[in-house]
Amino acid sequence: MAEFTMELNDEQKEVRDWIHGFAADVIRPAAAEWDEREETPWPVIQEAAKVGIYSLDFYAQQYFDPTGLGIPMTMEELFWGDAGIALSIVGTGLAAVGVLANGTEEQIGTWIPQMYGDANDVKVAAFCSSEPDAGSDVASMRTRAVYDEANDEWVINGTKTWATNGGIANVHVVVAVVDAELGSKGHASFIIPPNTPGLAQGQKFKKHGIRASHTAEVVLDNVRVPGSCLLGGKDKLDERMARARERAKTGGERVKNAAMATFEASRPAVGAMAVGTARAAYEVALDYAKTREQFGRPIIDNQGVAFQLADMRTSIDAARLLVWRASWMAISGKPFTAAEGSMSKLFASETAKKVTAQAIQILGGNGYTREYPVERMHRDAAIYTIFEGTSEVQRLVIARTLSGMPIR
């Protein structure tokens, strides 16, 4: 187990600088165009694949960094470039984490490579959990998976929404109900292989921010997948549900469901995304305040502006430290006894919204136009307090963890 440190080692610094260079030279110049087009930036993803940033090997190296800082460092730099394009590059990772968190070694080895493809034939993947009537309330999920024992197949029906890469993905990971009586404990995750009949893209959403990232509904109409596509396998599912039934009778320990296992693993990474967007907006505002003159002097000479920048930087650094702590705890196997993962996501998300709004204020009328990037960054930042658990849900998780009470 690596000791917690606030200093990146030389190898990590080299990787960070390499990613930052790609973000500065490739992502940022393309950001405004793809935001306006509201389309998946396939050329940028392909460039990322060519240099090795969009690849299974790269993310595996960062995911298994013994310090836990590989993924948050990567996310911060990519999202410093642009949140929409960065999400198109890293969106596959959520599906990959879903397989890593719940799948067997054979499933991991079979399906994760197919999620990425290669530099000559880039693919993406989608993780499908939310539904029109079940976002944060995963217990209300309606998508059903029924086992056809005679054919060793699962038959899946339902509609998923807010799916990053939904419908355009090569591989979809779908969370479905297999035992409705167990509530959220009766959920399981399934691989939907490429070109499976019955899976179709529904509505594609036109969004306020992160517009270069494809977000859509996924409709599953009698989708049949082999038994081997149940993540973890049926024996493990049967054992888990038997334990859940027994604990439900005795009022024992709660059992995590498949979707929650994925979200718990990814929340600090989302916090790092928010840190990257906040840092980008802060840097634009700082540079602007140094060069923009009013009443014969740079506006940073005014306390009203300078103090805002001081608060912005303080909040960004505090958010990064919470993200790093949670990431180190996760890789070190330390339990989140105070919901440290949710803390990091909550604070970083709220920081991104506040800092990007302050950046617009510092730029004044210019900040409100699309001629300057802080307007886009502010739109992008809104998503961090919504996806993968709203800020209200994070507060609920933290409060329940601290109190041990079923706060509602």
Foldseek 3Di string as FASTA:
>chain_A
DDDADPDDDPVLVVVLVVLLVLLVPPQQVCALVLLVVLAAPVVSLLVCQVVPNQAPVQVVCQPLVLLLCSLLSNLLSNLLSPLLNSCSRCVQVLVLLLLVLFADPVCNVPPSRLQAPGSVDGFHEKEFQADPPPAPNSLPDDWAWEADVVQQKIWIFDKTFFIWCAARGQKYKYKHAHDNVLRLLRIFIFIQHGPFPQKHWDDWDCALASSNITTTMIGGDRGIDHQNRTGNGDVVSVVSVVVSVVCVVVVDDDDHHSVVSSLLLCLLSLLSSLLSLLVSLLVVLVVQQQPDDDPHHRNCVDCVSVVLSVVLVVLSVVLVVLSSVSSSCVSVVHDPLQLSSLVSLLSSLVSSLVSLVSSLVSVDPVSCDPVDCSVNSNSHSNCSCPPSAHSVRSVQVNVCSVPVDNDD
